[in-house]
N, C-alpha and C. Protein backbone atom coordinates (compact mmCIF):
# COMPACT_ATOMS: atom_id res chain seq x y z
N MET A 1 24.87 -16.13 20.86
CA MET A 1 25.16 -16.09 19.57
C MET A 1 24.09 -16.51 18.71
N SER A 2 24.25 -17.46 17.77
CA SER A 2 23.18 -17.72 16.89
C SER A 2 22.77 -19.15 16.95
N ASN A 3 21.84 -19.78 16.33
CA ASN A 3 21.43 -21.04 16.44
C ASN A 3 21.93 -21.87 15.14
N THR A 4 22.92 -21.28 14.57
CA THR A 4 23.41 -22.11 13.41
C THR A 4 24.53 -22.95 13.80
N ARG A 5 25.04 -23.77 12.86
CA ARG A 5 26.20 -24.72 13.26
C ARG A 5 27.52 -23.89 13.56
N GLY A 6 28.01 -24.09 14.78
CA GLY A 6 29.34 -23.37 14.91
C GLY A 6 29.21 -21.98 15.51
N GLY A 7 28.00 -21.45 15.59
CA GLY A 7 27.80 -20.17 15.84
C GLY A 7 28.07 -19.11 14.90
N ALA A 8 28.33 -19.60 13.53
CA ALA A 8 28.52 -18.68 12.49
C ALA A 8 27.31 -18.20 11.92
N TRP A 9 27.26 -17.09 11.15
CA TRP A 9 26.07 -16.52 10.54
C TRP A 9 25.70 -17.44 9.39
N PRO A 10 24.56 -17.48 9.05
CA PRO A 10 23.97 -18.44 7.87
C PRO A 10 24.62 -17.92 6.69
N GLY A 11 25.21 -18.79 5.90
CA GLY A 11 25.87 -18.54 4.55
C GLY A 11 24.88 -18.88 3.48
N PRO A 12 25.29 -18.88 2.19
CA PRO A 12 24.35 -19.13 1.24
C PRO A 12 23.89 -20.47 1.00
N THR A 13 24.57 -21.43 1.75
CA THR A 13 24.20 -22.75 1.77
C THR A 13 23.16 -23.30 3.05
N GLU A 14 23.07 -22.28 3.83
CA GLU A 14 22.38 -22.59 5.10
C GLU A 14 20.88 -22.28 4.65
N PRO A 15 19.88 -23.22 5.20
CA PRO A 15 18.61 -22.83 4.93
C PRO A 15 18.03 -21.48 5.47
N ARG A 16 17.23 -20.70 4.73
CA ARG A 16 16.84 -19.57 5.12
C ARG A 16 15.38 -19.54 5.47
N ASN A 17 14.95 -18.49 6.30
CA ASN A 17 13.48 -18.47 6.67
C ASN A 17 12.78 -17.96 5.56
N GLU A 18 11.77 -18.85 4.94
CA GLU A 18 10.94 -18.37 3.74
C GLU A 18 9.61 -17.89 4.00
N ASP A 19 9.37 -17.53 5.15
CA ASP A 19 8.01 -17.07 5.62
C ASP A 19 7.69 -15.78 4.91
N TRP A 20 8.63 -15.00 4.45
CA TRP A 20 8.27 -13.62 3.91
C TRP A 20 8.61 -13.68 2.40
N VAL A 21 8.03 -12.71 1.66
CA VAL A 21 8.49 -12.58 0.23
C VAL A 21 9.71 -11.69 -0.06
N THR A 22 10.17 -11.86 -1.07
CA THR A 22 11.35 -11.03 -1.42
C THR A 22 11.17 -10.42 -2.80
N GLY A 23 12.16 -9.44 -3.15
CA GLY A 23 12.05 -9.00 -4.49
C GLY A 23 10.82 -7.90 -4.43
N ALA A 24 10.50 -7.92 -5.94
CA ALA A 24 9.28 -6.93 -6.09
C ALA A 24 8.24 -7.13 -5.29
N PRO A 25 7.81 -8.25 -4.96
CA PRO A 25 6.54 -8.37 -4.08
C PRO A 25 6.80 -7.71 -2.64
N PHE A 26 8.00 -7.87 -2.21
CA PHE A 26 8.35 -7.30 -0.87
C PHE A 26 8.22 -5.77 -1.10
N PHE A 27 8.72 -5.11 -2.10
CA PHE A 27 8.70 -3.83 -2.43
C PHE A 27 7.30 -3.37 -2.40
N ALA A 28 6.55 -4.11 -3.23
CA ALA A 28 5.08 -3.76 -3.45
C ALA A 28 4.29 -3.80 -2.05
N GLY A 29 4.54 -4.82 -1.29
CA GLY A 29 3.99 -4.92 0.10
C GLY A 29 4.21 -3.75 1.00
N LEU A 30 5.46 -3.29 0.96
CA LEU A 30 5.87 -2.15 1.76
C LEU A 30 5.16 -0.80 1.21
N ALA A 31 5.26 -0.70 -0.13
CA ALA A 31 4.40 0.53 -0.78
C ALA A 31 2.86 0.48 -0.53
N LEU A 32 2.37 -0.66 -0.43
CA LEU A 32 0.85 -0.67 0.03
C LEU A 32 0.59 -0.35 1.32
N GLU A 33 1.48 -0.86 2.20
CA GLU A 33 1.47 -0.57 3.65
C GLU A 33 1.61 1.01 3.94
N LEU A 34 2.53 1.71 3.24
CA LEU A 34 2.95 3.07 3.54
C LEU A 34 1.63 3.81 2.81
N SER A 35 1.16 3.31 1.75
CA SER A 35 0.06 4.08 0.91
C SER A 35 -1.27 3.96 1.93
N GLY A 36 -1.36 2.75 2.27
CA GLY A 36 -2.41 2.65 3.28
C GLY A 36 -2.48 3.47 4.47
N THR A 37 -1.34 3.65 5.19
CA THR A 37 -1.22 4.34 6.33
C THR A 37 -1.24 5.84 5.92
N LEU A 38 -0.79 6.32 4.77
CA LEU A 38 -0.98 7.68 4.58
C LEU A 38 -2.54 8.01 4.23
N SER A 39 -3.09 7.01 3.53
CA SER A 39 -4.51 7.30 3.36
C SER A 39 -5.26 7.34 4.61
N VAL A 40 -5.07 6.56 5.52
CA VAL A 40 -5.77 6.48 6.81
C VAL A 40 -5.44 7.88 7.58
N ALA A 41 -4.39 8.32 7.48
CA ALA A 41 -4.02 9.64 8.22
C ALA A 41 -4.69 10.85 7.46
N LEU A 42 -4.70 10.70 6.06
CA LEU A 42 -5.46 11.79 5.25
C LEU A 42 -6.84 11.66 5.68
N GLY A 43 -7.50 10.56 5.58
CA GLY A 43 -8.97 10.39 6.18
C GLY A 43 -9.25 10.82 7.45
N ALA A 44 -8.30 10.59 8.31
CA ALA A 44 -8.60 11.07 9.89
C ALA A 44 -8.54 12.51 9.91
N ALA A 45 -7.67 13.15 8.92
CA ALA A 45 -7.48 14.64 8.99
C ALA A 45 -8.86 15.19 8.40
N GLY A 46 -9.26 14.46 7.18
CA GLY A 46 -10.62 14.97 6.71
C GLY A 46 -11.77 14.87 7.56
N ILE A 47 -12.02 13.67 8.33
CA ILE A 47 -13.01 13.54 9.32
C ILE A 47 -13.13 14.57 10.38
N ALA A 48 -11.86 14.67 10.99
CA ALA A 48 -11.58 15.53 12.27
C ALA A 48 -11.74 16.87 12.04
N ASN A 49 -11.29 17.55 10.81
CA ASN A 49 -11.22 18.78 10.66
C ASN A 49 -11.44 19.29 9.41
N ASP A 50 -12.78 19.62 8.98
CA ASP A 50 -13.04 19.94 7.58
C ASP A 50 -12.26 21.17 7.02
N THR A 51 -11.62 22.04 7.77
CA THR A 51 -11.12 23.17 7.37
C THR A 51 -9.63 23.13 6.79
N ILE A 52 -9.09 21.82 6.77
CA ILE A 52 -7.79 21.82 6.36
C ILE A 52 -7.77 21.70 4.90
N PHE A 53 -8.61 21.21 4.23
CA PHE A 53 -8.63 21.07 2.75
C PHE A 53 -9.70 22.14 2.12
N ARG A 54 -9.27 22.73 0.88
CA ARG A 54 -10.15 23.56 0.18
C ARG A 54 -10.05 23.33 -1.17
N ALA A 55 -11.20 23.46 -1.80
CA ALA A 55 -11.12 23.33 -3.25
C ALA A 55 -12.37 24.14 -3.78
N ALA A 56 -11.96 24.96 -4.79
CA ALA A 56 -13.21 25.83 -5.22
C ALA A 56 -13.60 25.28 -6.45
N ARG A 57 -15.08 25.19 -6.80
CA ARG A 57 -15.65 24.83 -8.00
C ARG A 57 -15.13 23.65 -8.63
N TYR A 58 -15.29 22.57 -7.85
CA TYR A 58 -14.62 21.32 -8.23
C TYR A 58 -15.75 20.20 -8.65
N VAL A 59 -15.70 19.64 -9.84
CA VAL A 59 -16.91 18.71 -10.34
C VAL A 59 -17.09 17.71 -9.33
N TYR A 60 -16.08 16.95 -8.80
CA TYR A 60 -16.24 15.98 -7.87
C TYR A 60 -16.28 16.23 -6.37
N ARG A 61 -16.73 17.35 -6.17
CA ARG A 61 -16.78 18.00 -4.77
C ARG A 61 -17.86 17.25 -3.81
N PHE A 62 -17.35 16.49 -2.86
CA PHE A 62 -18.10 15.92 -1.89
C PHE A 62 -17.67 16.77 -0.46
N ASP A 63 -18.71 16.21 0.44
CA ASP A 63 -18.34 16.77 1.75
C ASP A 63 -16.96 16.12 2.11
N LEU A 64 -16.18 16.85 2.82
CA LEU A 64 -14.84 16.46 3.16
C LEU A 64 -14.78 15.38 4.16
N THR A 65 -15.76 15.27 5.01
CA THR A 65 -16.01 14.11 5.92
C THR A 65 -16.39 12.84 5.04
N ALA A 66 -17.09 12.95 4.07
CA ALA A 66 -17.29 11.62 2.95
C ALA A 66 -15.96 11.38 2.34
N TRP A 67 -15.12 12.50 1.90
CA TRP A 67 -13.87 11.94 1.49
C TRP A 67 -12.97 11.34 2.37
N GLY A 68 -12.98 11.89 3.67
CA GLY A 68 -12.25 11.22 4.73
C GLY A 68 -12.59 9.92 4.98
N TRP A 69 -13.93 9.53 4.95
CA TRP A 69 -14.28 8.03 5.23
C TRP A 69 -13.88 7.25 4.14
N ILE A 70 -14.04 7.80 2.86
CA ILE A 70 -13.53 7.09 1.79
C ILE A 70 -12.03 6.62 2.01
N HIS A 71 -11.38 7.67 2.26
CA HIS A 71 -9.76 7.44 2.46
C HIS A 71 -9.52 6.34 3.61
N VAL A 72 -10.20 6.45 4.62
CA VAL A 72 -10.01 5.63 5.57
C VAL A 72 -10.37 4.15 5.30
N VAL A 73 -11.39 3.88 4.52
CA VAL A 73 -11.71 2.63 4.26
C VAL A 73 -10.74 2.03 3.25
N ILE A 74 -10.43 2.80 2.18
CA ILE A 74 -9.57 2.36 1.38
C ILE A 74 -8.01 2.08 1.91
N GLY A 75 -7.62 3.00 2.72
CA GLY A 75 -6.48 2.84 3.50
C GLY A 75 -6.35 1.54 4.43
N ILE A 76 -7.44 1.32 4.97
CA ILE A 76 -7.53 0.00 5.85
C ILE A 76 -7.46 -1.32 4.80
N GLY A 77 -8.14 -1.14 3.76
CA GLY A 77 -8.03 -2.15 2.61
C GLY A 77 -6.43 -2.24 2.04
N LEU A 78 -5.83 -1.19 1.84
CA LEU A 78 -4.45 -1.33 1.35
C LEU A 78 -3.44 -1.93 2.45
N ILE A 79 -3.83 -1.61 3.71
CA ILE A 79 -2.94 -2.06 4.60
C ILE A 79 -3.16 -3.65 4.82
N ALA A 80 -4.44 -4.06 4.80
CA ALA A 80 -4.62 -5.52 4.61
C ALA A 80 -4.02 -6.15 3.45
N ALA A 81 -4.19 -5.55 2.33
CA ALA A 81 -3.61 -6.12 1.12
C ALA A 81 -2.19 -6.18 1.29
N GLY A 82 -1.45 -5.15 1.77
CA GLY A 82 -0.03 -5.13 1.92
C GLY A 82 0.56 -6.16 2.84
N LEU A 83 -0.26 -6.52 3.77
CA LEU A 83 0.03 -7.69 4.79
C LEU A 83 -0.07 -8.89 4.06
N GLY A 84 -1.33 -9.01 3.14
CA GLY A 84 -1.27 -10.32 2.45
C GLY A 84 0.01 -10.51 1.44
N VAL A 85 0.27 -9.48 0.78
CA VAL A 85 1.39 -9.50 -0.11
C VAL A 85 2.65 -9.93 0.63
N LEU A 86 3.01 -9.18 1.88
CA LEU A 86 4.30 -9.57 2.46
C LEU A 86 4.19 -11.00 3.07
N ALA A 87 2.99 -11.38 3.35
CA ALA A 87 2.92 -12.65 3.94
C ALA A 87 2.90 -13.83 2.88
N GLY A 88 2.86 -13.41 1.57
CA GLY A 88 2.92 -14.22 0.49
C GLY A 88 1.70 -15.14 0.17
N LYS A 89 0.53 -14.58 0.67
CA LYS A 89 -0.76 -15.04 0.42
C LYS A 89 -1.26 -15.03 -0.99
N SER A 90 -1.97 -16.01 -1.27
CA SER A 90 -2.37 -16.28 -2.80
C SER A 90 -3.32 -14.91 -3.18
N TRP A 91 -4.08 -14.49 -2.27
CA TRP A 91 -5.03 -13.41 -2.57
C TRP A 91 -4.20 -12.07 -2.56
N GLY A 92 -3.10 -11.89 -2.02
CA GLY A 92 -2.54 -10.63 -1.81
C GLY A 92 -2.28 -9.85 -3.09
N LYS A 93 -1.75 -10.67 -4.00
CA LYS A 93 -1.25 -10.06 -5.24
C LYS A 93 -2.55 -9.31 -5.95
N SER A 94 -3.70 -10.04 -6.06
CA SER A 94 -4.79 -9.60 -6.93
C SER A 94 -5.51 -8.55 -6.02
N ALA A 95 -5.52 -8.55 -4.73
CA ALA A 95 -6.12 -7.71 -3.83
C ALA A 95 -5.19 -6.24 -3.95
N GLY A 96 -3.86 -6.53 -3.85
CA GLY A 96 -3.00 -5.34 -3.83
C GLY A 96 -3.15 -4.47 -5.29
N ILE A 97 -3.38 -5.34 -6.38
CA ILE A 97 -3.35 -4.62 -7.56
C ILE A 97 -4.78 -3.81 -7.65
N ALA A 98 -5.97 -4.64 -7.23
CA ALA A 98 -7.26 -3.99 -7.23
C ALA A 98 -7.28 -2.69 -6.39
N LEU A 99 -6.92 -3.04 -5.17
CA LEU A 99 -7.06 -1.81 -4.13
C LEU A 99 -5.96 -0.70 -4.47
N GLY A 100 -4.84 -1.02 -5.03
CA GLY A 100 -3.92 0.09 -5.51
C GLY A 100 -4.56 0.78 -6.58
N ALA A 101 -5.25 0.15 -7.56
CA ALA A 101 -6.09 0.96 -8.56
C ALA A 101 -7.07 1.67 -8.02
N VAL A 102 -7.92 1.33 -7.13
CA VAL A 102 -9.05 2.00 -6.72
C VAL A 102 -8.39 3.30 -5.82
N SER A 103 -7.32 3.13 -5.08
CA SER A 103 -6.51 4.22 -4.31
C SER A 103 -6.03 5.18 -5.28
N LEU A 104 -5.54 4.70 -6.41
CA LEU A 104 -5.06 5.77 -7.38
C LEU A 104 -6.05 6.54 -7.88
N ILE A 105 -7.27 6.06 -8.36
CA ILE A 105 -8.49 6.71 -8.79
C ILE A 105 -8.87 7.77 -7.77
N THR A 106 -9.08 7.31 -6.51
CA THR A 106 -9.53 8.29 -5.45
C THR A 106 -8.62 9.47 -5.20
N GLN A 107 -7.19 9.07 -5.24
CA GLN A 107 -6.19 10.02 -4.92
C GLN A 107 -6.31 11.14 -6.03
N PHE A 108 -6.53 10.62 -7.43
CA PHE A 108 -6.61 11.53 -8.50
C PHE A 108 -7.64 12.51 -8.35
N LEU A 109 -8.91 12.04 -7.94
CA LEU A 109 -9.95 12.77 -7.59
C LEU A 109 -9.76 13.87 -6.55
N PHE A 110 -8.91 13.50 -5.61
CA PHE A 110 -8.54 14.28 -4.52
C PHE A 110 -7.60 15.38 -4.58
N ILE A 111 -6.98 15.38 -5.84
CA ILE A 111 -5.77 16.24 -6.15
C ILE A 111 -6.11 17.81 -5.87
N PRO A 112 -7.43 18.28 -6.32
CA PRO A 112 -7.61 19.60 -6.12
C PRO A 112 -7.68 19.96 -4.47
N TYR A 113 -7.87 19.03 -3.67
CA TYR A 113 -7.85 19.45 -2.20
C TYR A 113 -6.63 19.49 -1.65
N TYR A 114 -5.59 18.60 -1.93
CA TYR A 114 -4.28 18.42 -1.42
C TYR A 114 -3.42 17.72 -2.29
N PRO A 115 -2.73 18.65 -3.38
CA PRO A 115 -2.05 18.15 -4.47
C PRO A 115 -0.83 17.35 -4.12
N PHE A 116 -0.14 17.87 -3.16
CA PHE A 116 1.16 17.27 -2.92
C PHE A 116 0.93 15.73 -2.30
N TRP A 117 0.21 15.79 -1.35
CA TRP A 117 -0.05 14.57 -0.56
C TRP A 117 -0.64 13.49 -1.68
N SER A 118 -1.71 13.91 -2.36
CA SER A 118 -2.34 12.93 -3.28
C SER A 118 -1.41 12.51 -4.29
N ILE A 119 -0.54 13.40 -4.88
CA ILE A 119 0.37 12.76 -5.87
C ILE A 119 1.49 11.87 -5.32
N SER A 120 1.89 12.19 -3.95
CA SER A 120 2.84 11.15 -3.31
C SER A 120 2.21 9.81 -3.17
N VAL A 121 0.92 9.83 -2.72
CA VAL A 121 0.23 8.52 -2.50
C VAL A 121 -0.18 7.89 -3.92
N MET A 122 -0.25 8.71 -4.79
CA MET A 122 -0.45 8.05 -6.17
C MET A 122 0.85 7.29 -6.75
N THR A 123 1.89 7.90 -6.52
CA THR A 123 3.23 7.47 -6.96
C THR A 123 3.46 6.07 -6.35
N LEU A 124 3.08 5.89 -5.01
CA LEU A 124 3.17 4.73 -4.16
C LEU A 124 2.30 3.77 -4.88
N ASP A 125 1.11 4.11 -5.21
CA ASP A 125 0.08 3.09 -5.61
C ASP A 125 0.50 2.70 -6.94
N LEU A 126 1.07 3.57 -7.82
CA LEU A 126 1.67 3.01 -9.11
C LEU A 126 2.77 2.11 -9.04
N LEU A 127 3.84 2.51 -8.22
CA LEU A 127 4.85 1.62 -8.04
C LEU A 127 4.45 0.26 -7.48
N ALA A 128 3.39 0.19 -6.49
CA ALA A 128 3.07 -1.12 -6.02
C ALA A 128 2.42 -1.96 -7.05
N ILE A 129 1.32 -1.26 -7.91
CA ILE A 129 0.87 -2.11 -8.99
C ILE A 129 1.84 -2.46 -9.97
N TRP A 130 2.85 -1.64 -10.41
CA TRP A 130 3.97 -2.10 -11.19
C TRP A 130 4.60 -3.13 -10.75
N ALA A 131 5.07 -3.12 -9.50
CA ALA A 131 5.90 -4.28 -8.90
C ALA A 131 4.99 -5.61 -8.85
N LEU A 132 3.84 -5.58 -8.55
CA LEU A 132 2.93 -6.68 -8.35
C LEU A 132 2.62 -7.27 -9.80
N SER A 133 2.51 -6.40 -10.76
CA SER A 133 2.16 -6.77 -11.99
C SER A 133 3.53 -7.49 -12.69
N ARG A 134 4.66 -7.11 -12.42
CA ARG A 134 5.75 -7.57 -13.15
C ARG A 134 6.54 -8.82 -12.33
N SER A 135 5.96 -9.04 -11.15
CA SER A 135 6.53 -10.12 -10.30
C SER A 135 6.11 -11.51 -10.96
N GLY A 136 6.96 -12.34 -11.35
CA GLY A 136 6.89 -13.60 -11.88
C GLY A 136 6.71 -14.66 -10.73
N GLU A 137 6.79 -15.97 -11.25
CA GLU A 137 6.49 -17.02 -10.25
C GLU A 137 7.81 -17.17 -9.51
N ALA A 138 8.93 -16.70 -10.08
CA ALA A 138 10.24 -17.04 -9.28
C ALA A 138 10.21 -16.01 -8.09
N ASP A 139 9.62 -14.90 -8.13
CA ASP A 139 9.31 -13.88 -7.00
C ASP A 139 8.22 -14.30 -6.17
N TRP A 140 7.14 -14.82 -6.59
CA TRP A 140 5.77 -15.00 -5.99
C TRP A 140 5.67 -16.28 -5.51
N ARG A 141 5.36 -16.56 -4.31
CA ARG A 141 5.06 -17.92 -3.67
C ARG A 141 3.61 -17.90 -3.35
N ALA A 142 2.75 -18.69 -3.93
CA ALA A 142 1.39 -18.81 -3.56
C ALA A 142 1.42 -19.71 -2.22
N ARG A 143 0.60 -19.25 -1.30
CA ARG A 143 0.58 -20.02 -0.09
C ARG A 143 -0.91 -20.56 0.06
């Protein structure tokens, strides 16, 4: 059964496990994790096979391998920031906002190569930044 009194499920008066954040920071952490995972996948595709993405006459045209490495590095940072947010670390909120903004800019610059993917990741970044920006002290626990 469970480890509560009398084998019942914990009710509203039972102590809860407070190791993880809830509310808007929880959503932001999950959005950062998903955005980071998608960025790493996009970067791996760019590194492995340069023929997947095409953009003709684009001002910010880099070698697609360079774009791939940019996305991998930012994606790893987003995953780390998402874990920090979910664990309630004091650095997680500011790292999540900063890396979400950097990811938003790089995805915007990558739109000509793969529009649907970039716009999807940009949406996740915007939602994560919004959720982290609006979360107050009631939602956020600094550890």
